[in-house]
Amino acid sequence: MKVEVMQDRILFFEKTKIICVEMKELIAIEGINGEIVVHGRDFRFSFRDSAEHILKGMEKLLIRCTQRIAVNPEQIRQLKNGEVQMKSGQVFPIARQRNAQVAAAYLTYLGLPAEHWRIRD
């Protein structure tokens, strides 16, 4: 699968179709057993590929919670107890070693100075 990352959308190119996902509609991208699941507000689709391949290059748009899960900061409701709760109600885990990184990335997204916040692992 070829992926083109743009500022406000992600294009997924399959053999016979192109899927355009607007960032405002994207909740998360998750890798599960060699399959990629794209979670959206009103959709969900999957395809075979590796999380590392698909999530590479999306660091500026998504916040990586684990090696296989990245979330759209625009859709976050709260960060709590090693997990990120989305506006949709979905909950994704945050890897223990990424707690501080995820919190800092979210605060930066919100326009807050992350270095002024005390973030505990």
PDB file of N, CA and C in Angstrom:
ATOM      1  N   MET A   1       0.852  -1.177   0.000  1.00  0.00           N
ATOM      2  CA  MET A   1       0.000   0.000   0.000  1.00  0.00           C
ATOM      3  C   MET A   1       0.892   1.233   0.000  1.00  0.00           C
ATOM      4  N   LYS A   2       0.578   2.137  -0.867  1.00  0.00           N
ATOM      5  CA  LYS A   2       1.284   3.414  -0.896  1.00  0.00           C
ATOM      6  C   LYS A   2       0.438   4.424  -0.129  1.00  0.00           C
ATOM      7  N   VAL A   3       1.124   5.278   0.643  1.00  0.00           N
ATOM      8  CA  VAL A   3       0.445   6.288   1.446  1.00  0.00           C
ATOM      9  C   VAL A   3       1.051   7.650   1.149  1.00  0.00           C
ATOM     10  N   GLU A   4       0.212   8.624   0.922  1.00  0.00           N
ATOM     11  CA  GLU A   4       0.648  10.002   0.705  1.00  0.00           C
ATOM     12  C   GLU A   4       0.085  10.848   1.845  1.00  0.00           C
ATOM     13  N   VAL A   5       0.989  11.457   2.621  1.00  0.00           N
ATOM     14  CA  VAL A   5       0.588  12.265   3.773  1.00  0.00           C
ATOM     15  C   VAL A   5       0.620  13.725   3.374  1.00  0.00           C
ATOM     16  N   MET A   6      -0.519  14.387   3.536  1.00  0.00           N
ATOM     17  CA  MET A   6      -0.627  15.803   3.245  1.00  0.00           C
ATOM     18  C   MET A   6      -0.979  16.507   4.559  1.00  0.00           C
ATOM     19  N   GLN A   7      -1.046  17.817   4.549  1.00  0.00           N
ATOM     20  CA  GLN A   7      -1.307  18.548   5.777  1.00  0.00           C
ATOM     21  C   GLN A   7      -2.702  18.285   6.338  1.00  0.00           C
ATOM     22  N   ASP A   8      -3.703  18.189   5.487  1.00  0.00           N
ATOM     23  CA  ASP A   8      -5.073  18.052   5.964  1.00  0.00           C
ATOM     24  C   ASP A   8      -5.741  16.734   5.573  1.00  0.00           C
ATOM     25  N   ARG A   9      -4.978  15.835   4.963  1.00  0.00           N
ATOM     26  CA  ARG A   9      -5.555  14.536   4.581  1.00  0.00           C
ATOM     27  C   ARG A   9      -4.462  13.503   4.348  1.00  0.00           C
ATOM     28  N   ILE A  10      -4.872  12.244   4.363  1.00  0.00           N
ATOM     29  CA  ILE A  10      -3.976  11.132   4.059  1.00  0.00           C
ATOM     30  C   ILE A  10      -4.619  10.345   2.926  1.00  0.00           C
ATOM     31  N   LEU A  11      -3.841  10.050   1.901  1.00  0.00           N
ATOM     32  CA  LEU A  11      -4.330   9.259   0.775  1.00  0.00           C
ATOM     33  C   LEU A  11      -3.736   7.859   0.863  1.00  0.00           C
ATOM     34  N   PHE A  12      -4.584   6.853   0.784  1.00  0.00           N
ATOM     35  CA  PHE A  12      -4.173   5.454   0.773  1.00  0.00           C
ATOM     36  C   PHE A  12      -4.432   4.930  -0.630  1.00  0.00           C
ATOM     37  N   PHE A  13      -3.378   4.493  -1.313  1.00  0.00           N
ATOM     38  CA  PHE A  13      -3.488   4.010  -2.683  1.00  0.00           C
ATOM     39  C   PHE A  13      -3.466   2.487  -2.687  1.00  0.00           C
ATOM     40  N   GLU A  14      -4.577   1.880  -3.067  1.00  0.00           N
ATOM     41  CA  GLU A  14      -4.630   0.433  -3.252  1.00  0.00           C
ATOM     42  C   GLU A  14      -4.535   0.163  -4.749  1.00  0.00           C
ATOM     43  N   LYS A  15      -4.528  -1.097  -5.116  1.00  0.00           N
ATOM     44  CA  LYS A  15      -4.382  -1.447  -6.527  1.00  0.00           C
ATOM     45  C   LYS A  15      -5.470  -0.838  -7.394  1.00  0.00           C
ATOM     46  N   THR A  16      -6.708  -0.874  -6.937  1.00  0.00           N
ATOM     47  CA  THR A  16      -7.819  -0.430  -7.770  1.00  0.00           C
ATOM     48  C   THR A  16      -8.575   0.772  -7.220  1.00  0.00           C
ATOM     49  N   LYS A  17      -8.119   1.349  -6.112  1.00  0.00           N
ATOM     50  CA  LYS A  17      -8.834   2.501  -5.571  1.00  0.00           C
ATOM     51  C   LYS A  17      -7.918   3.390  -4.736  1.00  0.00           C
ATOM     52  N   ILE A  18      -8.391   4.604  -4.527  1.00  0.00           N
ATOM     53  CA  ILE A  18      -7.711   5.579  -3.678  1.00  0.00           C
ATOM     54  C   ILE A  18      -8.681   5.955  -2.571  1.00  0.00           C
ATOM     55  N   ILE A  19      -8.214   5.875  -1.329  1.00  0.00           N
ATOM     56  CA  ILE A  19      -9.046   6.248  -0.189  1.00  0.00           C
ATOM     57  C   ILE A  19      -8.474   7.531   0.390  1.00  0.00           C
ATOM     58  N   CYS A  20      -9.298   8.573   0.445  1.00  0.00           N
ATOM     59  CA  CYS A  20      -8.894   9.870   0.984  1.00  0.00           C
ATOM     60  C   CYS A  20      -9.509  10.026   2.367  1.00  0.00           C
ATOM     61  N   VAL A  21      -8.661  10.227   3.372  1.00  0.00           N
ATOM     62  CA  VAL A  21      -9.128  10.403   4.745  1.00  0.00           C
ATOM     63  C   VAL A  21      -8.770  11.819   5.182  1.00  0.00           C
ATOM     64  N   GLU A  22      -9.797  12.614   5.457  1.00  0.00           N
ATOM     65  CA  GLU A  22      -9.589  13.970   5.956  1.00  0.00           C
ATOM     66  C   GLU A  22      -9.121  13.885   7.403  1.00  0.00           C
ATOM     67  N   MET A  23      -8.137  14.698   7.768  1.00  0.00           N
ATOM     68  CA  MET A  23      -7.606  14.662   9.131  1.00  0.00           C
ATOM     69  C   MET A  23      -8.685  14.945  10.173  1.00  0.00           C
ATOM     70  N   LYS A  24      -9.631  15.804   9.878  1.00  0.00           N
ATOM     71  CA  LYS A  24     -10.680  16.119  10.845  1.00  0.00           C
ATOM     72  C   LYS A  24     -11.596  14.917  11.107  1.00  0.00           C
ATOM     73  N   GLU A  25     -11.565  13.911  10.237  1.00  0.00           N
ATOM     74  CA  GLU A  25     -12.387  12.712  10.391  1.00  0.00           C
ATOM     75  C   GLU A  25     -11.607  11.532  10.969  1.00  0.00           C
ATOM     76  N   LEU A  26     -10.279  11.590  10.954  1.00  0.00           N
ATOM     77  CA  LEU A  26      -9.432  10.485  11.395  1.00  0.00           C
ATOM     78  C   LEU A  26      -9.305  10.457  12.918  1.00  0.00           C
ATOM     79  N   ILE A  27      -9.497   9.292  13.512  1.00  0.00           N
ATOM     80  CA  ILE A  27      -9.320   9.121  14.953  1.00  0.00           C
ATOM     81  C   ILE A  27      -7.959   8.510  15.245  1.00  0.00           C
ATOM     82  N   ALA A  28      -7.651   7.373  14.610  1.00  0.00           N
ATOM     83  CA  ALA A  28      -6.400   6.679  14.901  1.00  0.00           C
ATOM     84  C   ALA A  28      -6.061   5.703  13.789  1.00  0.00           C
ATOM     85  N   ILE A  29      -4.794   5.310  13.767  1.00  0.00           N
ATOM     86  CA  ILE A  29      -4.322   4.240  12.891  1.00  0.00           C
ATOM     87  C   ILE A  29      -3.654   3.223  13.794  1.00  0.00           C
ATOM     88  N   GLU A  30      -4.048   1.968  13.627  1.00  0.00           N
ATOM     89  CA  GLU A  30      -3.598   0.908  14.537  1.00  0.00           C
ATOM     90  C   GLU A  30      -3.137  -0.310  13.747  1.00  0.00           C
ATOM     91  N   GLY A  31      -2.003  -0.856  14.126  1.00  0.00           N
ATOM     92  CA  GLY A  31      -1.511  -2.086  13.511  1.00  0.00           C
ATOM     93  C   GLY A  31      -1.848  -3.268  14.402  1.00  0.00           C
ATOM     94  N   ILE A  32      -2.501  -4.279  13.811  1.00  0.00           N
ATOM     95  CA  ILE A  32      -2.894  -5.475  14.558  1.00  0.00           C
ATOM     96  C   ILE A  32      -2.561  -6.703  13.719  1.00  0.00           C
ATOM     97  N   ASN A  33      -1.579  -7.488  14.156  1.00  0.00           N
ATOM     98  CA  ASN A  33      -1.220  -8.743  13.481  1.00  0.00           C
ATOM     99  C   ASN A  33      -1.042  -8.610  11.972  1.00  0.00           C
ATOM    100  N   GLY A  34      -0.227  -7.663  11.541  1.00  0.00           N
ATOM    101  CA  GLY A  34       0.055  -7.496  10.117  1.00  0.00           C
ATOM    102  C   GLY A  34      -1.040  -6.807   9.338  1.00  0.00           C
ATOM    103  N   GLU A  35      -2.033  -6.306  10.036  1.00  0.00           N
ATOM    104  CA  GLU A  35      -3.127  -5.594   9.389  1.00  0.00           C
ATOM    105  C   GLU A  35      -3.188  -4.181   9.963  1.00  0.00           C
ATOM    106  N   ILE A  36      -3.497  -3.207   9.129  1.00  0.00           N
ATOM    107  CA  ILE A  36      -3.647  -1.823   9.547  1.00  0.00           C
ATOM    108  C   ILE A  36      -5.137  -1.525   9.607  1.00  0.00           C
ATOM    109  N   VAL A  37      -5.568  -0.964  10.738  1.00  0.00           N
ATOM    110  CA  VAL A  37      -6.958  -0.553  10.898  1.00  0.00           C
ATOM    111  C   VAL A  37      -6.971   0.966  11.007  1.00  0.00           C
ATOM    112  N   VAL A  38      -7.733   1.601  10.129  1.00  0.00           N
ATOM    113  CA  VAL A  38      -7.874   3.050  10.134  1.00  0.00           C
ATOM    114  C   VAL A  38      -9.230   3.363  10.754  1.00  0.00           C
ATOM    115  N   HIS A  39      -9.203   4.011  11.910  1.00  0.00           N
ATOM    116  CA  HIS A  39     -10.416   4.360  12.641  1.00  0.00           C
ATOM    117  C   HIS A  39     -10.803   5.797  12.310  1.00  0.00           C
ATOM    118  N   GLY A  40     -12.033   5.987  11.869  1.00  0.00           N
ATOM    119  CA  GLY A  40     -12.542   7.327  11.581  1.00  0.00           C
ATOM    120  C   GLY A  40     -13.815   7.581  12.361  1.00  0.00           C
ATOM    121  N   ARG A  41     -14.295   8.807  12.309  1.00  0.00           N
ATOM    122  CA  ARG A  41     -15.517   9.142  13.048  1.00  0.00           C
ATOM    123  C   ARG A  41     -16.721   8.357  12.537  1.00  0.00           C
ATOM    124  N   ASP A  42     -16.821   8.194  11.226  1.00  0.00           N
ATOM    125  CA  ASP A  42     -17.956   7.478  10.653  1.00  0.00           C
ATOM    126  C   ASP A  42     -17.542   6.314   9.772  1.00  0.00           C
ATOM    127  N   PHE A  43     -16.319   5.851   9.919  1.00  0.00           N
ATOM    128  CA  PHE A  43     -15.839   4.759   9.078  1.00  0.00           C
ATOM    129  C   PHE A  43     -14.729   4.002   9.789  1.00  0.00           C
ATOM    130  N   ARG A  44     -14.475   2.847   9.246  1.00  0.00           N
ATOM    131  CA  ARG A  44     -13.348   2.025   9.683  1.00  0.00           C
ATOM    132  C   ARG A  44     -13.014   1.118   8.514  1.00  0.00           C
ATOM    133  N   PHE A  45     -11.737   1.063   8.150  1.00  0.00           N
ATOM    134  CA  PHE A  45     -11.325   0.130   7.104  1.00  0.00           C
ATOM    135  C   PHE A  45      -9.970  -0.439   7.463  1.00  0.00           C
ATOM    136  N   SER A  46      -9.628  -1.536   6.833  1.00  0.00           N
ATOM    137  CA  SER A  46      -8.362  -2.185   7.132  1.00  0.00           C
ATOM    138  C   SER A  46      -7.730  -2.726   5.856  1.00  0.00           C
ATOM    139  N   PHE A  47      -6.431  -2.978   5.941  1.00  0.00           N
ATOM    140  CA  PHE A  47      -5.684  -3.556   4.837  1.00  0.00           C
ATOM    141  C   PHE A  47      -4.425  -4.185   5.401  1.00  0.00           C
ATOM    142  N   ARG A  48      -3.788  -5.039   4.627  1.00  0.00           N
ATOM    143  CA  ARG A  48      -2.575  -5.732   5.063  1.00  0.00           C
ATOM    144  C   ARG A  48      -1.355  -4.851   4.832  1.00  0.00           C
ATOM    145  N   ASP A  49      -0.606  -4.616   5.897  1.00  0.00           N
ATOM    146  CA  ASP A  49       0.653  -3.883   5.817  1.00  0.00           C
ATOM    147  C   ASP A  49       1.235  -3.841   7.220  1.00  0.00           C
ATOM    148  N   SER A  50       2.437  -3.299   7.354  1.00  0.00           N
ATOM    149  CA  SER A  50       3.045  -3.198   8.677  1.00  0.00           C
ATOM    150  C   SER A  50       2.811  -1.800   9.244  1.00  0.00           C
ATOM    151  N   ALA A  51       2.637  -1.723  10.551  1.00  0.00           N
ATOM    152  CA  ALA A  51       2.434  -0.437  11.218  1.00  0.00           C
ATOM    153  C   ALA A  51       3.640   0.464  11.001  1.00  0.00           C
ATOM    154  N   GLU A  52       4.830  -0.113  11.079  1.00  0.00           N
ATOM    155  CA  GLU A  52       6.054   0.685  10.913  1.00  0.00           C
ATOM    156  C   GLU A  52       6.080   1.353   9.544  1.00  0.00           C
ATOM    157  N   HIS A  53       5.702   0.622   8.505  1.00  0.00           N
ATOM    158  CA  HIS A  53       5.695   1.174   7.151  1.00  0.00           C
ATOM    159  C   HIS A  53       4.653   2.278   7.009  1.00  0.00           C
ATOM    160  N   ILE A  54       3.458   2.052   7.500  1.00  0.00           N
ATOM    161  CA  ILE A  54       2.362   3.006   7.339  1.00  0.00           C
ATOM    162  C   ILE A  54       2.547   4.245   8.212  1.00  0.00           C
ATOM    163  N   LEU A  55       2.983   4.078   9.446  1.00  0.00           N
ATOM    164  CA  LEU A  55       3.090   5.215  10.369  1.00  0.00           C
ATOM    165  C   LEU A  55       4.333   6.077  10.130  1.00  0.00           C
ATOM    166  N   LYS A  56       5.278   5.525   9.367  1.00  0.00           N
ATOM    167  CA  LYS A  56       6.481   6.289   9.034  1.00  0.00           C
ATOM    168  C   LYS A  56       6.076   7.526   8.220  1.00  0.00           C
ATOM    169  N   GLY A  57       6.542   8.654   8.632  1.00  0.00           N
ATOM    170  CA  GLY A  57       6.222   9.887   7.920  1.00  0.00           C
ATOM    171  C   GLY A  57       4.973  10.601   8.406  1.00  0.00           C
ATOM    172  N   MET A  58       4.283  10.037   9.392  1.00  0.00           N
ATOM    173  CA  MET A  58       3.065  10.669   9.913  1.00  0.00           C
ATOM    174  C   MET A  58       3.289  11.363  11.251  1.00  0.00           C
ATOM    175  N   GLU A  59       4.566  11.492  11.667  1.00  0.00           N
ATOM    176  CA  GLU A  59       4.896  12.054  12.975  1.00  0.00           C
ATOM    177  C   GLU A  59       4.408  13.488  13.151  1.00  0.00           C
ATOM    178  N   LYS A  60       4.305  14.235  12.071  1.00  0.00           N
ATOM    179  CA  LYS A  60       3.868  15.630  12.180  1.00  0.00           C
ATOM    180  C   LYS A  60       2.353  15.757  12.321  1.00  0.00           C
ATOM    181  N   LEU A  61       1.626  14.721  11.947  1.00  0.00           N
ATOM    182  CA  LEU A  61       0.169  14.776  12.016  1.00  0.00           C
ATOM    183  C   LEU A  61      -0.418  13.989  13.185  1.00  0.00           C
ATOM    184  N   LEU A  62       0.205  12.876  13.518  1.00  0.00           N
ATOM    185  CA  LEU A  62      -0.336  11.979  14.532  1.00  0.00           C
ATOM    186  C   LEU A  62       0.616  11.859  15.715  1.00  0.00           C
ATOM    187  N   ILE A  63       0.075  11.476  16.850  1.00  0.00           N
ATOM    188  CA  ILE A  63       0.878  11.234  18.047  1.00  0.00           C
ATOM    189  C   ILE A  63       0.991   9.735  18.234  1.00  0.00           C
ATOM    190  N   ARG A  64       2.204   9.234  18.278  1.00  0.00           N
ATOM    191  CA  ARG A  64       2.454   7.801  18.408  1.00  0.00           C
ATOM    192  C   ARG A  64       2.346   7.402  19.874  1.00  0.00           C
ATOM    193  N   CYS A  65       1.379   6.557  20.199  1.00  0.00           N
ATOM    194  CA  CYS A  65       1.146   6.105  21.574  1.00  0.00           C
ATOM    195  C   CYS A  65       1.909   4.828  21.897  1.00  0.00           C
ATOM    196  N   THR A  66       2.009   3.960  20.914  1.00  0.00           N
ATOM    197  CA  THR A  66       2.761   2.723  21.045  1.00  0.00           C
ATOM    198  C   THR A  66       3.475   2.509  19.713  1.00  0.00           C
ATOM    199  N   GLN A  67       4.191   1.410  19.609  1.00  0.00           N
ATOM    200  CA  GLN A  67       4.869   1.113  18.353  1.00  0.00           C
ATOM    201  C   GLN A  67       3.869   0.928  17.218  1.00  0.00           C
ATOM    202  N   ARG A  68       2.647   0.512  17.541  1.00  0.00           N
ATOM    203  CA  ARG A  68       1.664   0.185  16.500  1.00  0.00           C
ATOM    204  C   ARG A  68       0.415   1.056  16.496  1.00  0.00           C
ATOM    205  N   ILE A  69       0.356   2.067  17.366  1.00  0.00           N
ATOM    206  CA  ILE A  69      -0.835   2.915  17.449  1.00  0.00           C
ATOM    207  C   ILE A  69      -0.443   4.378  17.408  1.00  0.00           C
ATOM    208  N   ALA A  70      -1.112   5.138  16.535  1.00  0.00           N
ATOM    209  CA  ALA A  70      -0.942   6.587  16.470  1.00  0.00           C
ATOM    210  C   ALA A  70      -2.330   7.220  16.433  1.00  0.00           C
ATOM    211  N   VAL A  71      -2.491   8.310  17.173  1.00  0.00           N
ATOM    212  CA  VAL A  71      -3.796   8.960  17.263  1.00  0.00           C
ATOM    213  C   VAL A  71      -3.726  10.383  16.724  1.00  0.00           C
ATOM    214  N   ASN A  72      -4.875  10.874  16.313  1.00  0.00           N
ATOM    215  CA  ASN A  72      -5.012  12.235  15.825  1.00  0.00           C
ATOM    216  C   ASN A  72      -5.207  13.146  17.041  1.00  0.00           C
ATOM    217  N   PRO A  73      -4.294  14.081  17.301  1.00  0.00           N
ATOM    218  CA  PRO A  73      -4.431  14.925  18.491  1.00  0.00           C
ATOM    219  C   PRO A  73      -5.709  15.757  18.500  1.00  0.00           C
ATOM    220  N   GLU A  74      -6.239  16.051  17.331  1.00  0.00           N
ATOM    221  CA  GLU A  74      -7.485  16.814  17.230  1.00  0.00           C
ATOM    222  C   GLU A  74      -8.667  16.051  17.837  1.00  0.00           C
ATOM    223  N   GLN A  75      -8.566  14.736  17.894  1.00  0.00           N
ATOM    224  CA  GLN A  75      -9.663  13.896  18.381  1.00  0.00           C
ATOM    225  C   GLN A  75      -9.492  13.443  19.839  1.00  0.00           C
ATOM    226  N   ILE A  76      -8.446  13.906  20.515  1.00  0.00           N
ATOM    227  CA  ILE A  76      -8.208  13.489  21.904  1.00  0.00           C
ATOM    228  C   ILE A  76      -9.135  14.237  22.855  1.00  0.00           C
ATOM    229  N   ARG A  77      -9.755  13.483  23.758  1.00  0.00           N
ATOM    230  CA  ARG A  77     -10.549  14.082  24.825  1.00  0.00           C
ATOM    231  C   ARG A  77      -9.684  14.290  26.057  1.00  0.00           C
ATOM    232  N   GLN A  78      -8.924  13.229  26.432  1.00  0.00           N
ATOM    233  CA  GLN A  78      -8.033  13.351  27.584  1.00  0.00           C
ATOM    234  C   GLN A  78      -6.974  12.263  27.596  1.00  0.00           C
ATOM    235  N   LEU A  79      -5.889  12.554  28.290  1.00  0.00           N
ATOM    236  CA  LEU A  79      -4.834  11.578  28.557  1.00  0.00           C
ATOM    237  C   LEU A  79      -4.973  11.215  30.024  1.00  0.00           C
ATOM    238  N   LYS A  80      -5.008   9.915  30.321  1.00  0.00           N
ATOM    239  CA  LYS A  80      -5.243   9.507  31.699  1.00  0.00           C
ATOM    240  C   LYS A  80      -4.736   8.098  31.938  1.00  0.00           C
ATOM    241  N   ASN A  81      -3.962   7.920  32.999  1.00  0.00           N
ATOM    242  CA  ASN A  81      -3.535   6.590  33.446  1.00  0.00           C
ATOM    243  C   ASN A  81      -2.985   5.705  32.333  1.00  0.00           C
ATOM    244  N   GLY A  82      -2.056   6.219  31.550  1.00  0.00           N
ATOM    245  CA  GLY A  82      -1.424   5.411  30.521  1.00  0.00           C
ATOM    246  C   GLY A  82      -2.308   5.083  29.337  1.00  0.00           C
ATOM    247  N   GLU A  83      -3.330   5.909  29.120  1.00  0.00           N
ATOM    248  CA  GLU A  83      -4.184   5.701  27.955  1.00  0.00           C
ATOM    249  C   GLU A  83      -4.674   7.043  27.436  1.00  0.00           C
ATOM    250  N   VAL A  84      -5.056   7.028  26.197  1.00  0.00           N
ATOM    251  CA  VAL A  84      -5.612   8.227  25.571  1.00  0.00           C
ATOM    252  C   VAL A  84      -7.075   7.933  25.269  1.00  0.00           C
ATOM    253  N   GLN A  85      -7.932   8.822  25.738  1.00  0.00           N
ATOM    254  CA  GLN A  85      -9.363   8.682  25.492  1.00  0.00           C
ATOM    255  C   GLN A  85      -9.752   9.663  24.401  1.00  0.00           C
ATOM    256  N   MET A  86     -10.404   9.137  23.380  1.00  0.00           N
ATOM    257  CA  MET A  86     -10.757   9.931  22.222  1.00  0.00           C
ATOM    258  C   MET A  86     -12.170  10.505  22.369  1.00  0.00           C
ATOM    259  N   LYS A  87     -12.485  11.544  21.628  1.00  0.00           N
ATOM    260  CA  LYS A  87     -13.814  12.148  21.652  1.00  0.00           C
ATOM    261  C   LYS A  87     -14.889  11.147  21.254  1.00  0.00           C
ATOM    262  N   SER A  88     -14.520  10.163  20.459  1.00  0.00           N
ATOM    263  CA  SER A  88     -15.455   9.133  19.996  1.00  0.00           C
ATOM    264  C   SER A  88     -15.795   8.124  21.086  1.00  0.00           C
ATOM    265  N   GLY A  89     -15.021   8.148  22.186  1.00  0.00           N
ATOM    266  CA  GLY A  89     -15.206   7.169  23.253  1.00  0.00           C
ATOM    267  C   GLY A  89     -14.194   6.040  23.194  1.00  0.00           C
ATOM    268  N   GLN A  90     -13.489   5.918  22.087  1.00  0.00           N
ATOM    269  CA  GLN A  90     -12.467   4.880  21.976  1.00  0.00           C
ATOM    270  C   GLN A  90     -11.303   5.195  22.912  1.00  0.00           C
ATOM    271  N   VAL A  91     -10.671   4.132  23.410  1.00  0.00           N
ATOM    272  CA  VAL A  91      -9.531   4.273  24.306  1.00  0.00           C
ATOM    273  C   VAL A  91      -8.368   3.480  23.723  1.00  0.00           C
ATOM    274  N   PHE A  92      -7.196   4.108  23.683  1.00  0.00           N
ATOM    275  CA  PHE A  92      -5.989   3.459  23.187  1.00  0.00           C
ATOM    276  C   PHE A  92      -4.919   3.526  24.267  1.00  0.00           C
ATOM    277  N   PRO A  93      -4.117   2.474  24.412  1.00  0.00           N
ATOM    278  CA  PRO A  93      -3.065   2.483  25.438  1.00  0.00           C
ATOM    279  C   PRO A  93      -1.893   3.371  25.027  1.00  0.00           C
ATOM    280  N   ILE A  94      -1.186   3.860  26.034  1.00  0.00           N
ATOM    281  CA  ILE A  94       0.063   4.580  25.814  1.00  0.00           C
ATOM    282  C   ILE A  94       1.159   3.716  26.430  1.00  0.00           C
ATOM    283  N   ALA A  95       2.178   3.407  25.662  1.00  0.00           N
ATOM    284  CA  ALA A  95       3.301   2.631  26.181  1.00  0.00           C
ATOM    285  C   ALA A  95       3.947   3.409  27.327  1.00  0.00           C
ATOM    286  N   ARG A  96       4.308   2.713  28.376  1.00  0.00           N
ATOM    287  CA  ARG A  96       4.871   3.358  29.568  1.00  0.00           C
ATOM    288  C   ARG A  96       6.035   4.291  29.219  1.00  0.00           C
ATOM    289  N   GLN A  97       6.924   3.840  28.340  1.00  0.00           N
ATOM    290  CA  GLN A  97       8.081   4.656  27.987  1.00  0.00           C
ATOM    291  C   GLN A  97       7.715   5.853  27.113  1.00  0.00           C
ATOM    292  N   ARG A  98       6.476   5.916  26.633  1.00  0.00           N
ATOM    293  CA  ARG A  98       6.055   7.036  25.780  1.00  0.00           C
ATOM    294  C   ARG A  98       5.139   8.027  26.501  1.00  0.00           C
ATOM    295  N   ASN A  99       4.810   7.804  27.774  1.00  0.00           N
ATOM    296  CA  ASN A  99       3.883   8.682  28.492  1.00  0.00           C
ATOM    297  C   ASN A  99       4.281  10.154  28.392  1.00  0.00           C
ATOM    298  N   ALA A 100       5.519  10.461  28.724  1.00  0.00           N
ATOM    299  CA  ALA A 100       5.978  11.852  28.709  1.00  0.00           C
ATOM    300  C   ALA A 100       5.977  12.416  27.296  1.00  0.00           C
ATOM    301  N   GLN A 101       6.391  11.619  26.317  1.00  0.00           N
ATOM    302  CA  GLN A 101       6.413  12.076  24.920  1.00  0.00           C
ATOM    303  C   GLN A 101       5.010  12.388  24.423  1.00  0.00           C
ATOM    304  N   VAL A 102       4.061  11.517  24.735  1.00  0.00           N
ATOM    305  CA  VAL A 102       2.680  11.710  24.280  1.00  0.00           C
ATOM    306  C   VAL A 102       2.101  12.967  24.915  1.00  0.00           C
ATOM    307  N   ALA A 103       2.294  13.134  26.226  1.00  0.00           N
ATOM    308  CA  ALA A 103       1.781  14.322  26.913  1.00  0.00           C
ATOM    309  C   ALA A 103       2.410  15.591  26.352  1.00  0.00           C
ATOM    310  N   ALA A 104       3.712  15.577  26.135  1.00  0.00           N
ATOM    311  CA  ALA A 104       4.402  16.750  25.590  1.00  0.00           C
ATOM    312  C   ALA A 104       3.910  17.070  24.177  1.00  0.00           C
ATOM    313  N   ALA A 105       3.732  16.047  23.354  1.00  0.00           N
ATOM    314  CA  ALA A 105       3.249  16.253  21.985  1.00  0.00           C
ATOM    315  C   ALA A 105       1.831  16.817  21.988  1.00  0.00           C
ATOM    316  N   TYR A 106       1.004  16.340  22.895  1.00  0.00           N
ATOM    317  CA  TYR A 106      -0.374  16.839  22.976  1.00  0.00           C
ATOM    318  C   TYR A 106      -0.395  18.294  23.453  1.00  0.00           C
ATOM    319  N   LEU A 107       0.402  18.613  24.461  1.00  0.00           N
ATOM    320  CA  LEU A 107       0.467  19.988  24.942  1.00  0.00           C
ATOM    321  C   LEU A 107       0.991  20.925  23.857  1.00  0.00           C
ATOM    322  N   THR A 108       1.969  20.471  23.104  1.00  0.00           N
ATOM    323  CA  THR A 108       2.499  21.264  21.993  1.00  0.00           C
ATOM    324  C   THR A 108       1.406  21.479  20.947  1.00  0.00           C
ATOM    325  N   TYR A 109       0.648  20.430  20.638  1.00  0.00           N
ATOM    326  CA  TYR A 109      -0.464  20.551  19.693  1.00  0.00           C
ATOM    327  C   TYR A 109      -1.461  21.607  20.171  1.00  0.00           C
ATOM    328  N   LEU A 110      -1.719  21.637  21.484  1.00  0.00           N
ATOM    329  CA  LEU A 110      -2.665  22.600  22.054  1.00  0.00           C
ATOM    330  C   LEU A 110      -2.086  24.010  22.136  1.00  0.00           C
ATOM    331  N   GLY A 111      -0.783  24.139  21.852  1.00  0.00           N
ATOM    332  CA  GLY A 111      -0.143  25.438  21.899  1.00  0.00           C
ATOM    333  C   GLY A 111       0.348  25.818  23.284  1.00  0.00           C
ATOM    334  N   LEU A 112       0.454  24.830  24.160  1.00  0.00           N
ATOM    335  CA  LEU A 112       0.936  25.069  25.520  1.00  0.00           C
ATOM    336  C   LEU A 112       2.404  24.694  25.626  1.00  0.00           C
ATOM    337  N   PRO A 113       3.169  25.418  26.435  1.00  0.00           N
ATOM    338  CA  PRO A 113       4.593  25.101  26.578  1.00  0.00           C
ATOM    339  C   PRO A 113       4.795  23.850  27.425  1.00  0.00           C
ATOM    340  N   ALA A 114       5.094  22.749  26.792  1.00  0.00           N
ATOM    341  CA  ALA A 114       5.225  21.461  27.476  1.00  0.00           C
ATOM    342  C   ALA A 114       6.304  21.482  28.543  1.00  0.00           C
ATOM    343  N   GLU A 115       7.356  22.280  28.352  1.00  0.00           N
ATOM    344  CA  GLU A 115       8.444  22.286  29.325  1.00  0.00           C
ATOM    345  C   GLU A 115       8.033  22.910  30.666  1.00  0.00           C
ATOM    346  N   HIS A 116       6.916  23.609  30.711  1.00  0.00           N
ATOM    347  CA  HIS A 116       6.454  24.218  31.955  1.00  0.00           C
ATOM    348  C   HIS A 116       5.535  23.298  32.766  1.00  0.00           C
ATOM    349  N   TRP A 117       5.195  22.156  32.193  1.00  0.00           N
ATOM    350  CA  TRP A 117       4.319  21.213  32.868  1.00  0.00           C
ATOM    351  C   TRP A 117       5.148  20.110  33.474  1.00  0.00           C
ATOM    352  N   ARG A 118       4.783  19.700  34.638  1.00  0.00           N
ATOM    353  CA  ARG A 118       5.461  18.551  35.255  1.00  0.00           C
ATOM    354  C   ARG A 118       4.744  17.295  34.782  1.00  0.00           C
ATOM    355  N   ILE A 119       5.454  16.484  34.040  1.00  0.00           N
ATOM    356  CA  ILE A 119       4.871  15.265  33.474  1.00  0.00           C
ATOM    357  C   ILE A 119       5.508  14.089  34.173  1.00  0.00           C
ATOM    358  N   ARG A 120       4.688  13.257  34.779  1.00  0.00           N
ATOM    359  CA  ARG A 120       5.184  12.081  35.495  1.00  0.00           C
ATOM    360  C   ARG A 120       5.001  10.851  34.642  1.00  0.00           C
ATOM    361  N   ASP A 121       5.993   9.987  34.665  1.00  0.00           N
ATOM    362  CA  ASP A 121       5.879   8.716  33.934  1.00  0.00           C
ATOM    363  C   ASP A 121       5.137   7.711  34.777  1.00  0.00           C
TER     364      ASP A 121
END
